[in-house]
Every structure is written in structure tokens, then in C-alpha cells.
Amino acid sequence: MNNLDTINKLIKMANQIGTFFESFPDREEALDGIANHLKKFWTPAMRANLIDGIDANTASELHQIVTQAILKHRASLLSGVANSH
């Protein structure tokens, strides 16, 4: 699987998480929930790949709420990643 396929798969999965949390009435709680889910259930490499996609502007299909959650919690999502960004 090439890098674009990987990013697209991660975007699809992240958007599914975002869709769930988007229904929360408290936006901050939703952003925290998305980040906590990614931290708990995704490998550090998966999180780093998704953040790399955001940085490279190749994650434009990512839902806005997911992007906001990742940007808000970027440091904690990158913790544990070898050669941290």
C-alpha cells in the first residue's frame, strides 16, 4: 500500500470517529473525545501519518472537527512517536 492509500484509509477511519463525536453538544468535549480515541486506539505511526497528511495538505477530505481535534491535541498525539515531529 502506498502512502496516499495509507492516508486515505486513515482519513476514512478518522472521519468515522469524527462523525460519532460531531453529535456531542459540547464542541470541546467532542474535540477531546476524538483525540482521546486516536491516542487510545491508534498506533503512534498511524497518528503520525495522519498528522503528516495534514501538514502536507494531502488530508483535505478530513472532516473539519477531526482536523481541529488533531491540531488542538497535536503534541499529545505525537508523544510516543519515534523521531517525533
PDB file of N, CA and C in Angstrom:
ATOM      1  N   MET A   1       0.855  -1.172   0.000  1.00  0.00           N
ATOM      2  CA  MET A   1       0.000   0.000   0.000  1.00  0.00           C
ATOM      3  C   MET A   1       0.901   1.235   0.000  1.00  0.00           C
ATOM      4  N   ASN A   2       0.639   2.160  -0.920  1.00  0.00           N
ATOM      5  CA  ASN A   2       1.481   3.358  -0.953  1.00  0.00           C
ATOM      6  C   ASN A   2       0.996   4.390   0.057  1.00  0.00           C
ATOM      7  N   ASN A   3       1.767   5.463   0.200  1.00  0.00           N
ATOM      8  CA  ASN A   3       1.485   6.464   1.220  1.00  0.00           C
ATOM      9  C   ASN A   3       0.123   7.123   1.030  1.00  0.00           C
ATOM     10  N   LEU A   4      -0.264   7.400  -0.215  1.00  0.00           N
ATOM     11  CA  LEU A   4      -1.565   8.021  -0.473  1.00  0.00           C
ATOM     12  C   LEU A   4      -2.699   7.084  -0.079  1.00  0.00           C
ATOM     13  N   ASP A   5      -2.550   5.797  -0.354  1.00  0.00           N
ATOM     14  CA  ASP A   5      -3.559   4.819   0.067  1.00  0.00           C
ATOM     15  C   ASP A   5      -3.659   4.776   1.595  1.00  0.00           C
ATOM     16  N   THR A   6      -2.500   4.828   2.238  1.00  0.00           N
ATOM     17  CA  THR A   6      -2.478   4.814   3.701  1.00  0.00           C
ATOM     18  C   THR A   6      -3.192   6.033   4.257  1.00  0.00           C
ATOM     19  N   ILE A   7      -2.868   7.210   3.752  1.00  0.00           N
ATOM     20  CA  ILE A   7      -3.509   8.447   4.218  1.00  0.00           C
ATOM     21  C   ILE A   7      -5.011   8.381   3.990  1.00  0.00           C
ATOM     22  N   ASN A   8      -5.424   7.934   2.823  1.00  0.00           N
ATOM     23  CA  ASN A   8      -6.857   7.860   2.520  1.00  0.00           C
ATOM     24  C   ASN A   8      -7.588   6.905   3.464  1.00  0.00           C
ATOM     25  N   LYS A   9      -6.961   5.794   3.798  1.00  0.00           N
ATOM     26  CA  LYS A   9      -7.568   4.853   4.744  1.00  0.00           C
ATOM     27  C   LYS A   9      -7.675   5.481   6.131  1.00  0.00           C
ATOM     28  N   LEU A  10      -6.622   6.158   6.555  1.00  0.00           N
ATOM     29  CA  LEU A  10      -6.635   6.815   7.863  1.00  0.00           C
ATOM     30  C   LEU A  10      -7.682   7.929   7.909  1.00  0.00           C
ATOM     31  N   ILE A  11      -7.810   8.677   6.819  1.00  0.00           N
ATOM     32  CA  ILE A  11      -8.818   9.739   6.748  1.00  0.00           C
ATOM     33  C   ILE A  11     -10.213   9.147   6.892  1.00  0.00           C
ATOM     34  N   LYS A  12     -10.462   8.064   6.192  1.00  0.00           N
ATOM     35  CA  LYS A  12     -11.784   7.424   6.273  1.00  0.00           C
ATOM     36  C   LYS A  12     -12.088   6.992   7.708  1.00  0.00           C
ATOM     37  N   MET A  13     -11.115   6.369   8.347  1.00  0.00           N
ATOM     38  CA  MET A  13     -11.310   5.910   9.724  1.00  0.00           C
ATOM     39  C   MET A  13     -11.493   7.094  10.675  1.00  0.00           C
ATOM     40  N   ALA A  14     -10.677   8.132  10.523  1.00  0.00           N
ATOM     41  CA  ALA A  14     -10.772   9.301  11.391  1.00  0.00           C
ATOM     42  C   ALA A  14     -12.108  10.015  11.205  1.00  0.00           C
ATOM     43  N   ASN A  15     -12.586  10.069   9.969  1.00  0.00           N
ATOM     44  CA  ASN A  15     -13.874  10.716   9.713  1.00  0.00           C
ATOM     45  C   ASN A  15     -15.021   9.952  10.363  1.00  0.00           C
ATOM     46  N   GLN A  16     -14.909   8.635  10.425  1.00  0.00           N
ATOM     47  CA  GLN A  16     -15.945   7.852  11.115  1.00  0.00           C
ATOM     48  C   GLN A  16     -15.963   8.196  12.602  1.00  0.00           C
ATOM     49  N   ILE A  17     -14.792   8.355  13.181  1.00  0.00           N
ATOM     50  CA  ILE A  17     -14.702   8.762  14.586  1.00  0.00           C
ATOM     51  C   ILE A  17     -15.288  10.160  14.752  1.00  0.00           C
ATOM     52  N   GLY A  18     -14.919  11.050  13.852  1.00  0.00           N
ATOM     53  CA  GLY A  18     -15.418  12.421  13.908  1.00  0.00           C
ATOM     54  C   GLY A  18     -16.924  12.504  13.781  1.00  0.00           C
ATOM     55  N   THR A  19     -17.509  11.675  12.928  1.00  0.00           N
ATOM     56  CA  THR A  19     -18.960  11.663  12.747  1.00  0.00           C
ATOM     57  C   THR A  19     -19.656  11.306  14.057  1.00  0.00           C
ATOM     58  N   PHE A  20     -19.096  10.352  14.782  1.00  0.00           N
ATOM     59  CA  PHE A  20     -19.676   9.981  16.072  1.00  0.00           C
ATOM     60  C   PHE A  20     -19.624  11.164  17.041  1.00  0.00           C
ATOM     61  N   PHE A  21     -18.472  11.767  17.179  1.00  0.00           N
ATOM     62  CA  PHE A  21     -18.303  12.827  18.174  1.00  0.00           C
ATOM     63  C   PHE A  21     -18.945  14.148  17.751  1.00  0.00           C
ATOM     64  N   GLU A  22     -19.209  14.322  16.468  1.00  0.00           N
ATOM     65  CA  GLU A  22     -19.831  15.551  15.979  1.00  0.00           C
ATOM     66  C   GLU A  22     -21.207  15.786  16.604  1.00  0.00           C
ATOM     67  N   SER A  23     -21.862  14.714  17.034  1.00  0.00           N
ATOM     68  CA  SER A  23     -23.205  14.841  17.612  1.00  0.00           C
ATOM     69  C   SER A  23     -23.167  15.351  19.052  1.00  0.00           C
ATOM     70  N   PHE A  24     -21.986  15.421  19.655  1.00  0.00           N
ATOM     71  CA  PHE A  24     -21.884  15.909  21.031  1.00  0.00           C
ATOM     72  C   PHE A  24     -22.255  17.389  21.073  1.00  0.00           C
ATOM     73  N   PRO A  25     -23.081  17.789  22.028  1.00  0.00           N
ATOM     74  CA  PRO A  25     -23.465  19.205  22.113  1.00  0.00           C
ATOM     75  C   PRO A  25     -22.303  20.116  22.532  1.00  0.00           C
ATOM     76  N   ASP A  26     -21.349  19.581  23.266  1.00  0.00           N
ATOM     77  CA  ASP A  26     -20.198  20.350  23.733  1.00  0.00           C
ATOM     78  C   ASP A  26     -19.037  20.126  22.768  1.00  0.00           C
ATOM     79  N   ARG A  27     -18.688  21.157  22.005  1.00  0.00           N
ATOM     80  CA  ARG A  27     -17.653  21.042  20.975  1.00  0.00           C
ATOM     81  C   ARG A  27     -16.296  20.644  21.571  1.00  0.00           C
ATOM     82  N   GLU A  28     -15.934  21.254  22.700  1.00  0.00           N
ATOM     83  CA  GLU A  28     -14.648  20.932  23.327  1.00  0.00           C
ATOM     84  C   GLU A  28     -14.602  19.470  23.765  1.00  0.00           C
ATOM     85  N   GLU A  29     -15.706  18.979  24.291  1.00  0.00           N
ATOM     86  CA  GLU A  29     -15.784  17.567  24.687  1.00  0.00           C
ATOM     87  C   GLU A  29     -15.622  16.669  23.464  1.00  0.00           C
ATOM     88  N   ALA A  30     -16.207  17.090  22.339  1.00  0.00           N
ATOM     89  CA  ALA A  30     -16.083  16.317  21.100  1.00  0.00           C
ATOM     90  C   ALA A  30     -14.634  16.292  20.618  1.00  0.00           C
ATOM     91  N   LEU A  31     -13.977  17.446  20.633  1.00  0.00           N
ATOM     92  CA  LEU A  31     -12.576  17.513  20.200  1.00  0.00           C
ATOM     93  C   LEU A  31     -11.691  16.649  21.092  1.00  0.00           C
ATOM     94  N   ASP A  32     -11.921  16.737  22.394  1.00  0.00           N
ATOM     95  CA  ASP A  32     -11.149  15.917  23.326  1.00  0.00           C
ATOM     96  C   ASP A  32     -11.429  14.431  23.112  1.00  0.00           C
ATOM     97  N   GLY A  33     -12.685  14.087  22.847  1.00  0.00           N
ATOM     98  CA  GLY A  33     -13.062  12.693  22.623  1.00  0.00           C
ATOM     99  C   GLY A  33     -12.398  12.103  21.395  1.00  0.00           C
ATOM    100  N   ILE A  34     -12.344  12.885  20.335  1.00  0.00           N
ATOM    101  CA  ILE A  34     -11.678  12.418  19.107  1.00  0.00           C
ATOM    102  C   ILE A  34     -10.207  12.162  19.387  1.00  0.00           C
ATOM    103  N   ALA A  35      -9.550  13.124  20.012  1.00  0.00           N
ATOM    104  CA  ALA A  35      -8.123  12.975  20.307  1.00  0.00           C
ATOM    105  C   ALA A  35      -7.869  11.796  21.243  1.00  0.00           C
ATOM    106  N   ASN A  36      -8.701  11.649  22.246  1.00  0.00           N
ATOM    107  CA  ASN A  36      -8.529  10.527  23.181  1.00  0.00           C
ATOM    108  C   ASN A  36      -8.704   9.192  22.472  1.00  0.00           C
ATOM    109  N   HIS A  37      -9.667   9.114  21.564  1.00  0.00           N
ATOM    110  CA  HIS A  37      -9.872   7.872  20.810  1.00  0.00           C
ATOM    111  C   HIS A  37      -8.625   7.564  19.969  1.00  0.00           C
ATOM    112  N   LEU A  38      -8.114   8.570  19.256  1.00  0.00           N
ATOM    113  CA  LEU A  38      -6.925   8.355  18.429  1.00  0.00           C
ATOM    114  C   LEU A  38      -5.731   7.932  19.285  1.00  0.00           C
ATOM    115  N   LYS A  39      -5.583   8.547  20.430  1.00  0.00           N
ATOM    116  CA  LYS A  39      -4.455   8.229  21.316  1.00  0.00           C
ATOM    117  C   LYS A  39      -4.580   6.806  21.875  1.00  0.00           C
ATOM    118  N   LYS A  40      -5.798   6.425  22.209  1.00  0.00           N
ATOM    119  CA  LYS A  40      -6.016   5.123  22.856  1.00  0.00           C
ATOM    120  C   LYS A  40      -5.978   3.955  21.867  1.00  0.00           C
ATOM    121  N   PHE A  41      -6.556   4.142  20.683  1.00  0.00           N
ATOM    122  CA  PHE A  41      -6.757   3.008  19.782  1.00  0.00           C
ATOM    123  C   PHE A  41      -5.882   3.008  18.533  1.00  0.00           C
ATOM    124  N   TRP A  42      -5.236   4.093  18.228  1.00  0.00           N
ATOM    125  CA  TRP A  42      -4.383   4.146  17.049  1.00  0.00           C
ATOM    126  C   TRP A  42      -2.925   4.016  17.462  1.00  0.00           C
ATOM    127  N   THR A  43      -2.129   3.404  16.610  1.00  0.00           N
ATOM    128  CA  THR A  43      -0.699   3.304  16.879  1.00  0.00           C
ATOM    129  C   THR A  43      -0.056   4.684  16.692  1.00  0.00           C
ATOM    130  N   PRO A  44       1.092   4.898  17.320  1.00  0.00           N
ATOM    131  CA  PRO A  44       1.786   6.174  17.095  1.00  0.00           C
ATOM    132  C   PRO A  44       2.073   6.433  15.612  1.00  0.00           C
ATOM    133  N   ALA A  45       2.390   5.386  14.869  1.00  0.00           N
ATOM    134  CA  ALA A  45       2.673   5.559  13.440  1.00  0.00           C
ATOM    135  C   ALA A  45       1.425   6.011  12.674  1.00  0.00           C
ATOM    136  N   MET A  46       0.268   5.466  13.029  1.00  0.00           N
ATOM    137  CA  MET A  46      -0.973   5.880  12.366  1.00  0.00           C
ATOM    138  C   MET A  46      -1.246   7.359  12.638  1.00  0.00           C
ATOM    139  N   ARG A  47      -1.081   7.771  13.897  1.00  0.00           N
ATOM    140  CA  ARG A  47      -1.310   9.174  14.245  1.00  0.00           C
ATOM    141  C   ARG A  47      -0.326  10.075  13.505  1.00  0.00           C
ATOM    142  N   ALA A  48       0.936   9.677  13.476  1.00  0.00           N
ATOM    143  CA  ALA A  48       1.960  10.477  12.799  1.00  0.00           C
ATOM    144  C   ALA A  48       1.675  10.584  11.305  1.00  0.00           C
ATOM    145  N   ASN A  49       1.254   9.487  10.686  1.00  0.00           N
ATOM    146  CA  ASN A  49       0.933   9.515   9.252  1.00  0.00           C
ATOM    147  C   ASN A  49      -0.214  10.475   8.961  1.00  0.00           C
ATOM    148  N   LEU A  50      -1.231  10.477   9.810  1.00  0.00           N
ATOM    149  CA  LEU A  50      -2.362  11.372   9.596  1.00  0.00           C
ATOM    150  C   LEU A  50      -1.932  12.829   9.777  1.00  0.00           C
ATOM    151  N   ILE A  51      -1.133  13.101  10.791  1.00  0.00           N
ATOM    152  CA  ILE A  51      -0.639  14.462  11.006  1.00  0.00           C
ATOM    153  C   ILE A  51       0.266  14.887   9.853  1.00  0.00           C
ATOM    154  N   ASP A  52       1.090  13.978   9.361  1.00  0.00           N
ATOM    155  CA  ASP A  52       1.909  14.282   8.179  1.00  0.00           C
ATOM    156  C   ASP A  52       1.030  14.647   6.985  1.00  0.00           C
ATOM    157  N   GLY A  53      -0.090  13.947   6.844  1.00  0.00           N
ATOM    158  CA  GLY A  53      -1.029  14.258   5.762  1.00  0.00           C
ATOM    159  C   GLY A  53      -1.621  15.649   5.901  1.00  0.00           C
ATOM    160  N   ILE A  54      -1.932  16.031   7.121  1.00  0.00           N
ATOM    161  CA  ILE A  54      -2.442  17.385   7.364  1.00  0.00           C
ATOM    162  C   ILE A  54      -1.362  18.404   7.014  1.00  0.00           C
ATOM    163  N   ASP A  55      -0.144  18.164   7.486  1.00  0.00           N
ATOM    164  CA  ASP A  55       0.965  19.085   7.234  1.00  0.00           C
ATOM    165  C   ASP A  55       1.277  19.218   5.744  1.00  0.00           C
ATOM    166  N   ALA A  56       1.114  18.135   5.004  1.00  0.00           N
ATOM    167  CA  ALA A  56       1.427  18.133   3.567  1.00  0.00           C
ATOM    168  C   ALA A  56       0.229  18.517   2.704  1.00  0.00           C
ATOM    169  N   ASN A  57      -0.863  18.896   3.348  1.00  0.00           N
ATOM    170  CA  ASN A  57      -2.092  19.254   2.641  1.00  0.00           C
ATOM    171  C   ASN A  57      -2.604  18.130   1.748  1.00  0.00           C
ATOM    172  N   THR A  58      -2.436  16.888   2.210  1.00  0.00           N
ATOM    173  CA  THR A  58      -2.964  15.742   1.462  1.00  0.00           C
ATOM    174  C   THR A  58      -4.119  15.092   2.211  1.00  0.00           C
ATOM    175  N   ALA A  59      -4.634  15.797   3.227  1.00  0.00           N
ATOM    176  CA  ALA A  59      -5.736  15.269   4.030  1.00  0.00           C
ATOM    177  C   ALA A  59      -6.956  16.176   3.931  1.00  0.00           C
ATOM    178  N   SER A  60      -7.189  16.732   2.753  1.00  0.00           N
ATOM    179  CA  SER A  60      -8.277  17.696   2.590  1.00  0.00           C
ATOM    180  C   SER A  60      -9.659  17.072   2.797  1.00  0.00           C
ATOM    181  N   GLU A  61      -9.773  15.758   2.692  1.00  0.00           N
ATOM    182  CA  GLU A  61     -11.054  15.087   2.893  1.00  0.00           C
ATOM    183  C   GLU A  61     -11.382  14.877   4.366  1.00  0.00           C
ATOM    184  N   LEU A  62     -10.440  15.233   5.232  1.00  0.00           N
ATOM    185  CA  LEU A  62     -10.644  15.071   6.665  1.00  0.00           C
ATOM    186  C   LEU A  62     -11.710  16.056   7.138  1.00  0.00           C
ATOM    187  N   HIS A  63     -12.669  15.568   7.909  1.00  0.00           N
ATOM    188  CA  HIS A  63     -13.719  16.440   8.433  1.00  0.00           C
ATOM    189  C   HIS A  63     -13.097  17.523   9.305  1.00  0.00           C
ATOM    190  N   GLN A  64     -13.701  18.703   9.269  1.00  0.00           N
ATOM    191  CA  GLN A  64     -13.177  19.852   9.996  1.00  0.00           C
ATOM    192  C   GLN A  64     -13.014  19.559  11.487  1.00  0.00           C
ATOM    193  N   ILE A  65     -13.970  18.867  12.079  1.00  0.00           N
ATOM    194  CA  ILE A  65     -13.895  18.584  13.514  1.00  0.00           C
ATOM    195  C   ILE A  65     -12.697  17.694  13.850  1.00  0.00           C
ATOM    196  N   VAL A  66     -12.361  16.789  12.953  1.00  0.00           N
ATOM    197  CA  VAL A  66     -11.208  15.910  13.179  1.00  0.00           C
ATOM    198  C   VAL A  66      -9.914  16.718  13.067  1.00  0.00           C
ATOM    199  N   THR A  67      -9.838  17.556  12.068  1.00  0.00           N
ATOM    200  CA  THR A  67      -8.662  18.407  11.905  1.00  0.00           C
ATOM    201  C   THR A  67      -8.476  19.294  13.132  1.00  0.00           C
ATOM    202  N   GLN A  68      -9.566  19.890  13.605  1.00  0.00           N
ATOM    203  CA  GLN A  68      -9.487  20.743  14.795  1.00  0.00           C
ATOM    204  C   GLN A  68      -8.996  19.958  16.009  1.00  0.00           C
ATOM    205  N   ALA A  69      -9.514  18.753  16.186  1.00  0.00           N
ATOM    206  CA  ALA A  69      -9.105  17.924  17.326  1.00  0.00           C
ATOM    207  C   ALA A  69      -7.624  17.589  17.243  1.00  0.00           C
ATOM    208  N   ILE A  70      -7.169  17.247  16.057  1.00  0.00           N
ATOM    209  CA  ILE A  70      -5.766  16.884  15.883  1.00  0.00           C
ATOM    210  C   ILE A  70      -4.860  18.090  16.125  1.00  0.00           C
ATOM    211  N   LEU A  71      -5.243  19.240  15.607  1.00  0.00           N
ATOM    212  CA  LEU A  71      -4.419  20.430  15.807  1.00  0.00           C
ATOM    213  C   LEU A  71      -4.400  20.850  17.280  1.00  0.00           C
ATOM    214  N   LYS A  72      -5.540  20.735  17.957  1.00  0.00           N
ATOM    215  CA  LYS A  72      -5.622  21.095  19.371  1.00  0.00           C
ATOM    216  C   LYS A  72      -4.752  20.179  20.231  1.00  0.00           C
ATOM    217  N   HIS A  73      -4.703  18.902  19.877  1.00  0.00           N
ATOM    218  CA  HIS A  73      -4.014  17.904  20.694  1.00  0.00           C
ATOM    219  C   HIS A  73      -2.761  17.345  20.022  1.00  0.00           C
ATOM    220  N   ARG A  74      -2.212  18.086  19.100  1.00  0.00           N
ATOM    221  CA  ARG A  74      -1.087  17.615  18.284  1.00  0.00           C
ATOM    222  C   ARG A  74       0.060  17.047  19.133  1.00  0.00           C
ATOM    223  N   ALA A  75       0.479  17.793  20.146  1.00  0.00           N
ATOM    224  CA  ALA A  75       1.631  17.362  20.950  1.00  0.00           C
ATOM    225  C   ALA A  75       1.372  16.018  21.624  1.00  0.00           C
ATOM    226  N   SER A  76       0.209  15.856  22.212  1.00  0.00           N
ATOM    227  CA  SER A  76      -0.061  14.587  22.896  1.00  0.00           C
ATOM    228  C   SER A  76      -0.254  13.446  21.904  1.00  0.00           C
ATOM    229  N   LEU A  77      -0.782  13.747  20.712  1.00  0.00           N
ATOM    230  CA  LEU A  77      -0.959  12.702  19.701  1.00  0.00           C
ATOM    231  C   LEU A  77       0.380  12.248  19.133  1.00  0.00           C
ATOM    232  N   LEU A  78       1.367  13.124  19.156  1.00  0.00           N
ATOM    233  CA  LEU A  78       2.691  12.766  18.646  1.00  0.00           C
ATOM    234  C   LEU A  78       3.583  12.155  19.716  1.00  0.00           C
ATOM    235  N   SER A  79       3.172  12.204  20.974  1.00  0.00           N
ATOM    236  CA  SER A  79       4.004  11.613  22.020  1.00  0.00           C
ATOM    237  C   SER A  79       4.089  10.107  21.793  1.00  0.00           C
ATOM    238  N   GLY A  80       5.260   9.590  21.981  1.00  0.00           N
ATOM    239  CA  GLY A  80       5.470   8.170  21.755  1.00  0.00           C
ATOM    240  C   GLY A  80       5.839   7.826  20.327  1.00  0.00           C
ATOM    241  N   VAL A  81       5.890   8.839  19.461  1.00  0.00           N
ATOM    242  CA  VAL A  81       6.260   8.604  18.066  1.00  0.00           C
ATOM    243  C   VAL A  81       7.774   8.727  17.940  1.00  0.00           C
ATOM    244  N   ALA A  82       8.395   7.692  17.395  1.00  0.00           N
ATOM    245  CA  ALA A  82       9.837   7.738  17.176  1.00  0.00           C
ATOM    246  C   ALA A  82      10.157   8.865  16.213  1.00  0.00           C
ATOM    247  N   ASN A  83      11.256   9.557  16.447  1.00  0.00           N
ATOM    248  CA  ASN A  83      11.636  10.710  15.624  1.00  0.00           C
ATOM    249  C   ASN A  83      10.507  11.720  15.582  1.00  0.00           C
ATOM    250  N   SER A  84       9.980  12.045  16.731  1.00  0.00           N
ATOM    251  CA  SER A  84       8.829  12.943  16.853  1.00  0.00           C
ATOM    252  C   SER A  84       9.035  14.207  16.040  1.00  0.00           C
ATOM    253  N   HIS A  85       7.955  14.679  15.486  1.00  0.00           N
ATOM    254  CA  HIS A  85       7.967  15.834  14.587  1.00  0.00           C
ATOM    255  C   HIS A  85       8.308  17.086  15.331  1.00  0.00           C
TER     256      HIS A  85
END
